[in-house]
């Protein structure tokens, strides 16, 4: 990684430190979502959930769009809607941070999905507030995915409806090229948080995130063990987008009536928030290196914005030295 690329990232962020991830706020969002009850795709409850998400994005000053469609499922056509929040950055290239907000349909018991569906949506809502106030080198897209859960069983195409539809649309309209990476958040509420490395995920993204956890001494939650996960990141990987899945599948209440607020923890939301935010500068620097240093004809040349960024960084460092001298 070049010093110029790192300087660009640091310079964009140097103006003011962003607010910290607040698990208290995230927990309140989670409580509100769980209070709605079961929220399967196509239900009145998920429409209510969408209204809550959109209201919170508006309150945070984040613009959003809805991506609606009807999809074929084993139980017939179901109306689904992805919610896409956009935080403009210094560059138009996008880093997508995603999670699903639907819950699995169960007729045998009441499933409110505190961790599975609730934690990822609550996390993204709080992240919107934090990243809106941050100086972002890349445009950040917060993607609330519908239809992650199987309507009946996780087999064939009965799953990941929202991510597959999003990627298909992005391929058709040409916007896929501007997506440089995906960070997927799923099931992060477990009181005994234990997130294993997913071998389906892009290795360099995994390394950056797990290194950040190690720096923060949170590697008891982001463990070295591996697993293989099929989730909403797979359609992105298949389309050539570097992707990583942050998910705790070692969760006893998974897909049971016990996936309630009693089984989850605000502390777990805080851990993931801290790690993702600590990893972002390294992720952004890696992505910016790929999009700014290749000019026409494939020749490497320095982007004028990097030159300006280095000057900005030098001035910032000089001010810090002068302050320390006094």
Protein backbone atom coordinates (compact mmCIF):
# COMPACT_ATOMS: atom_id res chain seq x y z
CA UNK A 1 0.00 0.00 0.00
CA UNK A 2 1.47 3.35 -1.03
CA UNK A 3 1.93 6.26 1.36
CA UNK A 4 -0.03 8.45 -1.05
CA UNK A 5 -3.10 6.22 -0.82
CA UNK A 6 -2.92 6.11 2.96
CA UNK A 7 -2.43 9.89 3.01
CA UNK A 8 -5.61 10.36 0.98
CA UNK A 9 -7.63 8.27 3.45
CA UNK A 10 -6.16 10.02 6.47
CA UNK A 11 -6.57 13.48 4.97
CA UNK A 12 -10.23 12.94 4.18
CA UNK A 13 -10.84 11.81 7.75
CA UNK A 14 -8.57 14.34 9.50
CA UNK A 15 -11.05 17.22 9.68
CA UNK A 16 -12.96 15.86 12.67
CA UNK A 17 -13.21 12.51 14.45
CA UNK A 18 -16.49 10.72 13.76
CA UNK A 19 -18.91 9.86 16.55
CA UNK A 20 -18.44 6.42 18.07
CA UNK A 21 -20.78 3.50 17.56
CA UNK A 22 -23.31 3.62 20.40
CA UNK A 23 -24.64 0.19 21.36
CA UNK A 24 -27.28 1.84 23.54
CA UNK A 25 -28.81 3.43 20.45
CA UNK A 26 -28.44 0.19 18.49
CA UNK A 27 -30.12 -1.74 21.31
CA UNK A 28 -33.10 0.63 21.27
CA UNK A 29 -33.48 0.07 17.52
CA UNK A 30 -33.31 -3.67 18.12
CA UNK A 31 -35.94 -3.42 20.85
CA UNK A 32 -38.26 -1.48 18.54
CA UNK A 33 -37.83 -4.01 15.72
CA UNK A 34 -38.45 -7.02 17.95
CA UNK A 35 -41.55 -5.32 19.35
CA UNK A 36 -43.05 -5.35 15.85
CA UNK A 37 -43.04 -9.15 16.05
CA UNK A 38 -42.37 -11.68 13.27
CA UNK A 39 -41.29 -9.84 10.11
CA UNK A 40 -41.24 -12.28 7.16
CA UNK A 41 -40.95 -11.02 3.60
CA UNK A 42 -44.23 -9.77 2.16
CA UNK A 43 -45.95 -9.33 5.52
CA UNK A 44 -47.58 -6.18 6.95
CA UNK A 45 -45.00 -6.40 9.78
CA UNK A 46 -42.04 -6.09 7.43
CA UNK A 47 -43.71 -3.08 5.84
CA UNK A 48 -43.87 -1.57 9.32
CA UNK A 49 -40.22 -2.47 9.78
CA UNK A 50 -39.35 -0.68 6.56
CA UNK A 51 -41.17 2.41 7.74
CA UNK A 52 -39.11 2.39 10.93
CA UNK A 53 -35.84 1.98 9.02
CA UNK A 54 -36.68 4.80 6.62
CA UNK A 55 -37.68 7.10 9.47
CA UNK A 56 -34.37 6.47 11.23
CA UNK A 57 -32.35 7.05 8.04
CA UNK A 58 -34.22 10.33 7.55
CA UNK A 59 -33.47 11.34 11.15
CA UNK A 60 -29.78 10.62 10.51
CA UNK A 61 -29.80 12.73 7.34
CA UNK A 62 -29.15 9.74 5.08
CA UNK A 63 -30.97 9.65 1.76
CA UNK A 64 -32.47 6.33 0.68
CA UNK A 65 -34.20 4.58 -2.18
CA UNK A 66 -36.44 1.52 -2.30
CA UNK A 67 -35.83 -1.34 -4.70
CA UNK A 68 -39.13 -3.21 -4.98
CA UNK A 69 -40.02 -6.33 -6.94
CA UNK A 70 -42.18 -9.46 -6.77
CA UNK A 71 -40.33 -12.77 -6.58
CA UNK A 72 -41.35 -16.38 -7.12
CA UNK A 73 -41.16 -18.51 -3.97
CA UNK A 74 -42.38 -22.01 -3.06
CA UNK A 75 -45.45 -20.29 -1.57
CA UNK A 76 -46.16 -18.15 -4.63
CA UNK A 77 -45.28 -14.56 -5.58
CA UNK A 78 -44.03 -12.43 -2.69
CA UNK A 79 -43.53 -8.66 -2.72
CA UNK A 80 -40.05 -7.70 -1.48
CA UNK A 81 -38.21 -4.42 -1.02
CA UNK A 82 -34.53 -3.64 -0.49
CA UNK A 83 -33.84 -0.30 1.22
CA UNK A 84 -30.67 1.43 0.01
CA UNK A 85 -29.19 4.24 2.10
CA UNK A 86 -26.42 6.30 0.48
CA UNK A 87 -23.77 8.41 2.20
CA UNK A 88 -21.76 10.30 -0.46
CA UNK A 89 -17.98 10.19 -0.11
CA UNK A 90 -14.99 11.91 -1.70
CA UNK A 91 -15.23 9.38 -4.53
CA UNK A 92 -18.24 7.88 -6.30
CA UNK A 93 -16.95 4.30 -6.01
CA UNK A 94 -18.99 2.44 -3.41
CA UNK A 95 -18.32 0.36 -0.36
CA UNK A 96 -21.50 -1.55 0.49
CA UNK A 97 -22.27 -2.52 4.08
CA UNK A 98 -25.30 -4.80 4.13
CA UNK A 99 -27.55 -6.91 6.31
CA UNK A 100 -31.02 -8.43 6.07
CA UNK A 101 -34.06 -7.16 7.93
CA UNK A 102 -36.58 -9.94 7.31
CA UNK A 103 -37.24 -12.87 9.65
CA UNK A 104 -37.84 -16.53 8.81
CA UNK A 105 -41.46 -17.54 8.35
CA UNK A 106 -42.55 -20.08 10.97
CA UNK A 107 -46.14 -21.18 11.50
CA UNK A 108 -45.38 -23.49 14.44
CA UNK A 109 -44.18 -20.75 16.82
CA UNK A 110 -43.71 -17.00 17.12
CA UNK A 111 -40.28 -16.08 15.73
CA UNK A 112 -39.18 -12.49 16.39
CA UNK A 113 -35.56 -12.89 15.22
CA UNK A 114 -33.69 -10.73 17.73
CA UNK A 115 -30.31 -11.83 16.40
CA UNK A 116 -31.38 -13.28 13.05
CA UNK A 117 -32.73 -10.29 11.21
CA UNK A 118 -33.02 -7.85 14.07
CA UNK A 119 -29.37 -7.38 15.03
CA UNK A 120 -28.17 -6.66 11.50
CA UNK A 121 -30.93 -4.11 10.83
CA UNK A 122 -30.37 -2.35 14.18
CA UNK A 123 -26.63 -2.33 13.54
CA UNK A 124 -27.01 -0.68 10.12
CA UNK A 125 -29.38 1.97 11.49
CA UNK A 126 -26.85 3.02 14.13
CA UNK A 127 -24.01 2.81 11.60
CA UNK A 128 -25.90 5.29 9.41
CA UNK A 129 -25.70 7.90 12.18
CA UNK A 130 -21.98 7.29 12.70
CA UNK A 131 -20.91 7.23 9.05
CA UNK A 132 -23.03 10.23 8.10
CA UNK A 133 -20.84 12.35 10.41
CA UNK A 134 -17.62 10.74 9.19
CA UNK A 135 -15.44 11.98 6.32
CA UNK A 136 -15.68 9.04 3.95
CA UNK A 137 -13.12 8.60 1.13
CA UNK A 138 -15.57 6.37 -0.75
CA UNK A 139 -19.33 6.57 -1.07
CA UNK A 140 -20.86 4.21 1.49
CA UNK A 141 -24.05 2.36 0.75
CA UNK A 142 -26.05 0.88 3.62
CA UNK A 143 -28.07 -1.95 2.12
CA UNK A 144 -31.04 -3.37 4.05
CA UNK A 145 -31.83 -6.63 2.27
CA UNK A 146 -35.25 -8.25 2.13
CA UNK A 147 -35.83 -11.95 1.52
CA UNK A 148 -32.60 -13.40 2.91
CA UNK A 149 -34.50 -16.14 4.69
CA UNK A 150 -35.87 -19.20 2.96
CA UNK A 151 -39.64 -19.09 2.63
CA UNK A 152 -39.70 -22.88 3.19
CA UNK A 153 -36.24 -24.53 3.20
CA UNK A 154 -32.73 -23.27 2.33
CA UNK A 155 -32.31 -25.17 -0.93
CA UNK A 156 -32.33 -24.35 -4.62
CA UNK A 157 -33.16 -20.65 -4.96
CA UNK A 158 -35.34 -20.42 -1.86
CA UNK A 159 -33.07 -17.94 -0.07
CA UNK A 160 -31.08 -14.69 -0.56
CA UNK A 161 -33.81 -13.19 -2.75
CA UNK A 162 -32.81 -9.60 -1.95
CA UNK A 163 -29.09 -9.92 -2.62
CA UNK A 164 -29.63 -11.90 -5.82
CA UNK A 165 -32.10 -9.32 -7.10
CA UNK A 166 -29.81 -6.41 -6.15
CA UNK A 167 -26.83 -7.94 -7.99
CA UNK A 168 -28.93 -8.80 -11.05
CA UNK A 169 -30.17 -5.20 -11.28
CA UNK A 170 -26.63 -3.86 -10.82
CA UNK A 171 -25.40 -6.07 -13.65
CA UNK A 172 -28.17 -4.89 -15.96
CA UNK A 173 -27.83 -1.17 -15.29
CA UNK A 174 -24.02 -1.18 -15.20
CA UNK A 175 -23.73 0.01 -11.59
CA UNK A 176 -21.99 -3.17 -10.44
CA UNK A 177 -18.63 -1.79 -11.59
CA UNK A 178 -18.71 0.97 -8.99
CA UNK A 179 -19.15 -1.51 -6.10
CA UNK A 180 -15.63 -2.17 -4.86
CA UNK A 181 -16.40 -4.34 -1.83
CA UNK A 182 -19.19 -5.69 0.37
CA UNK A 183 -19.16 -6.08 4.15
CA UNK A 184 -22.10 -8.24 5.22
CA UNK A 185 -23.43 -8.20 8.79
CA UNK A 186 -25.66 -11.06 9.99
CA UNK A 187 -26.58 -12.55 13.39
CA UNK A 188 -24.28 -10.47 15.59
CA UNK A 189 -26.43 -10.28 18.72
CA UNK A 190 -25.37 -13.50 20.47
CA UNK A 191 -24.52 -12.89 24.14
CA UNK A 192 -21.59 -15.29 23.74
CA UNK A 193 -20.32 -13.72 20.53
CA UNK A 194 -18.07 -16.04 18.53
CA UNK A 195 -17.54 -15.05 14.91
CA UNK A 196 -15.49 -17.49 12.86
CA UNK A 197 -13.69 -16.73 9.60
CA UNK A 198 -15.83 -17.63 6.61
CA UNK A 199 -13.83 -19.47 3.95
CA UNK A 200 -16.24 -18.26 1.27
CA UNK A 201 -15.29 -14.65 2.06
CA UNK A 202 -12.50 -12.71 0.32
CA UNK A 203 -9.31 -13.38 2.25
CA UNK A 204 -7.90 -9.85 2.24
CA UNK A 205 -11.12 -8.39 3.65
CA UNK A 206 -11.22 -11.09 6.32
CA UNK A 207 -7.61 -10.39 7.28
CA UNK A 208 -8.19 -6.65 7.66
CA UNK A 209 -11.23 -7.13 9.88
CA UNK A 210 -9.72 -9.84 12.06
CA UNK A 211 -6.50 -7.80 12.41
CA UNK A 212 -8.60 -4.86 13.61
CA UNK A 213 -10.25 -7.12 16.19
CA UNK A 214 -6.82 -8.24 17.37
CA UNK A 215 -5.63 -4.64 17.73
CA UNK A 216 -8.69 -3.87 19.84
CA UNK A 217 -8.12 -7.06 21.88
CA UNK A 218 -11.50 -8.37 20.75
CA UNK A 219 -10.18 -11.58 19.22
CA UNK A 220 -12.15 -13.63 21.75
CA UNK A 221 -15.19 -12.62 19.68
CA UNK A 222 -13.51 -12.69 16.24
CA UNK A 223 -11.88 -16.12 16.53
CA UNK A 224 -9.31 -17.81 14.32
CA UNK A 225 -11.43 -20.88 13.59
CA UNK A 226 -13.02 -21.18 10.16
CA UNK A 227 -16.40 -22.15 8.78
CA UNK A 228 -18.08 -22.02 5.39
CA UNK A 229 -21.20 -19.88 5.07
CA UNK A 230 -23.83 -19.44 2.38
CA UNK A 231 -25.34 -16.01 2.88
CA UNK A 232 -26.17 -12.74 1.12
CA UNK A 233 -22.50 -12.22 0.21
CA UNK A 234 -22.44 -15.16 -2.21
CA UNK A 235 -24.24 -13.41 -5.13
CA UNK A 236 -21.74 -10.54 -4.80
CA UNK A 237 -18.78 -12.93 -4.78
CA UNK A 238 -20.15 -14.70 -7.85
CA UNK A 239 -20.35 -11.30 -9.57
CA UNK A 240 -16.68 -10.60 -8.77
CA UNK A 241 -17.18 -8.21 -5.83
CA UNK A 242 -14.76 -8.78 -2.90
CA UNK A 243 -16.98 -9.66 0.05
CA UNK A 244 -16.84 -10.72 3.69
CA UNK A 245 -19.52 -12.14 5.97
CA UNK A 246 -19.46 -11.23 9.67
CA UNK A 247 -21.80 -13.79 11.22
CA UNK A 248 -22.12 -15.81 14.43
CA UNK A 249 -23.69 -19.14 13.56
CA UNK A 250 -22.80 -20.66 16.94
CA UNK A 251 -26.11 -19.45 18.31
CA UNK A 252 -28.29 -21.97 20.12
CA UNK A 253 -31.61 -20.04 19.73
CA UNK A 254 -31.15 -19.84 15.93
CA UNK A 255 -34.51 -20.33 14.21
CA UNK A 256 -36.29 -21.06 17.47
CA UNK A 257 -38.84 -19.19 19.58
CA UNK A 258 -35.97 -18.37 21.95
CA UNK A 259 -34.30 -15.88 19.57
CA UNK A 260 -35.56 -13.00 21.72
CA UNK A 261 -34.01 -10.00 23.47
CA UNK A 262 -33.09 -12.28 26.40
CA UNK A 263 -30.66 -14.16 24.14
CA UNK A 264 -28.82 -11.13 22.75
CA UNK A 265 -26.55 -8.42 24.11
CA UNK A 266 -25.84 -4.76 23.43
CA UNK A 267 -22.19 -5.55 24.18
CA UNK A 268 -22.03 -7.82 21.14
CA UNK A 269 -23.39 -5.05 18.91
CA UNK A 270 -20.72 -2.73 20.34
CA UNK A 271 -17.92 -5.21 19.62
CA UNK A 272 -18.88 -5.55 15.97
CA UNK A 273 -19.39 -1.80 15.63
CA UNK A 274 -15.95 -1.06 17.08
CA UNK A 275 -14.23 -3.64 14.89
CA UNK A 276 -15.92 -2.59 11.63
CA UNK A 277 -15.14 1.09 12.23
CA UNK A 278 -11.52 0.26 13.15
CA UNK A 279 -11.15 -1.79 9.97
CA UNK A 280 -12.71 0.79 7.63
CA UNK A 281 -9.58 2.96 7.02
CA UNK A 282 -7.54 -0.08 5.92
CA UNK A 283 -10.38 -1.36 3.73
CA UNK A 284 -10.79 2.07 2.14
CA UNK A 285 -7.05 2.48 1.58
CA UNK A 286 -6.89 -0.91 -0.14
CA UNK A 287 -9.84 -0.06 -2.38
CA UNK A 288 -8.63 3.46 -3.21
CA UNK A 289 -5.28 2.04 -4.24
CA UNK A 290 -7.12 -0.02 -6.82
CA UNK A 291 -9.26 2.79 -8.22
CA UNK A 292 -6.92 5.81 -8.23
CA UNK A 293 -3.51 4.59 -9.31
CA UNK A 294 -4.45 3.13 -12.71
CA UNK A 295 -4.87 5.72 -15.45
CA UNK A 296 -5.84 5.45 -19.09
CA UNK A 297 -4.07 2.73 -20.98
CA UNK A 298 -3.28 0.92 -17.74
CA UNK A 299 -0.38 3.22 -16.85
CA UNK A 300 0.11 4.04 -13.18
CA UNK A 301 -0.01 7.68 -12.36
CA UNK A 302 -0.70 9.65 -9.24
CA UNK A 303 -4.20 11.08 -8.88
CA UNK A 304 -4.11 14.82 -8.28
CA UNK A 305 -6.35 14.27 -5.27
CA UNK A 306 -3.59 12.25 -3.64
CA UNK A 307 -1.16 15.12 -4.10
CA UNK A 308 -3.61 17.47 -2.42
CA UNK A 309 -4.23 14.91 0.30
CA UNK A 310 -0.52 14.61 1.10
CA UNK A 311 -0.24 18.39 1.44
CA UNK A 312 -3.29 18.43 3.67
CA UNK A 313 -1.82 15.63 5.79
CA UNK A 314 1.53 17.41 6.15
CA UNK A 315 -0.22 20.59 7.32
CA UNK A 316 -2.28 18.53 9.76
CA UNK A 317 0.88 16.86 11.14
CA UNK A 318 2.61 20.23 11.48
CA UNK A 319 -0.31 21.61 13.48
CA UNK A 320 -0.17 18.58 15.76
CA UNK A 321 3.57 19.08 16.34
CA UNK A 322 3.08 22.77 17.08
CA UNK A 323 0.31 21.96 19.56
CA UNK A 324 2.54 19.38 21.27
CA UNK A 325 5.41 21.89 21.51
CA UNK A 326 3.17 24.30 23.40
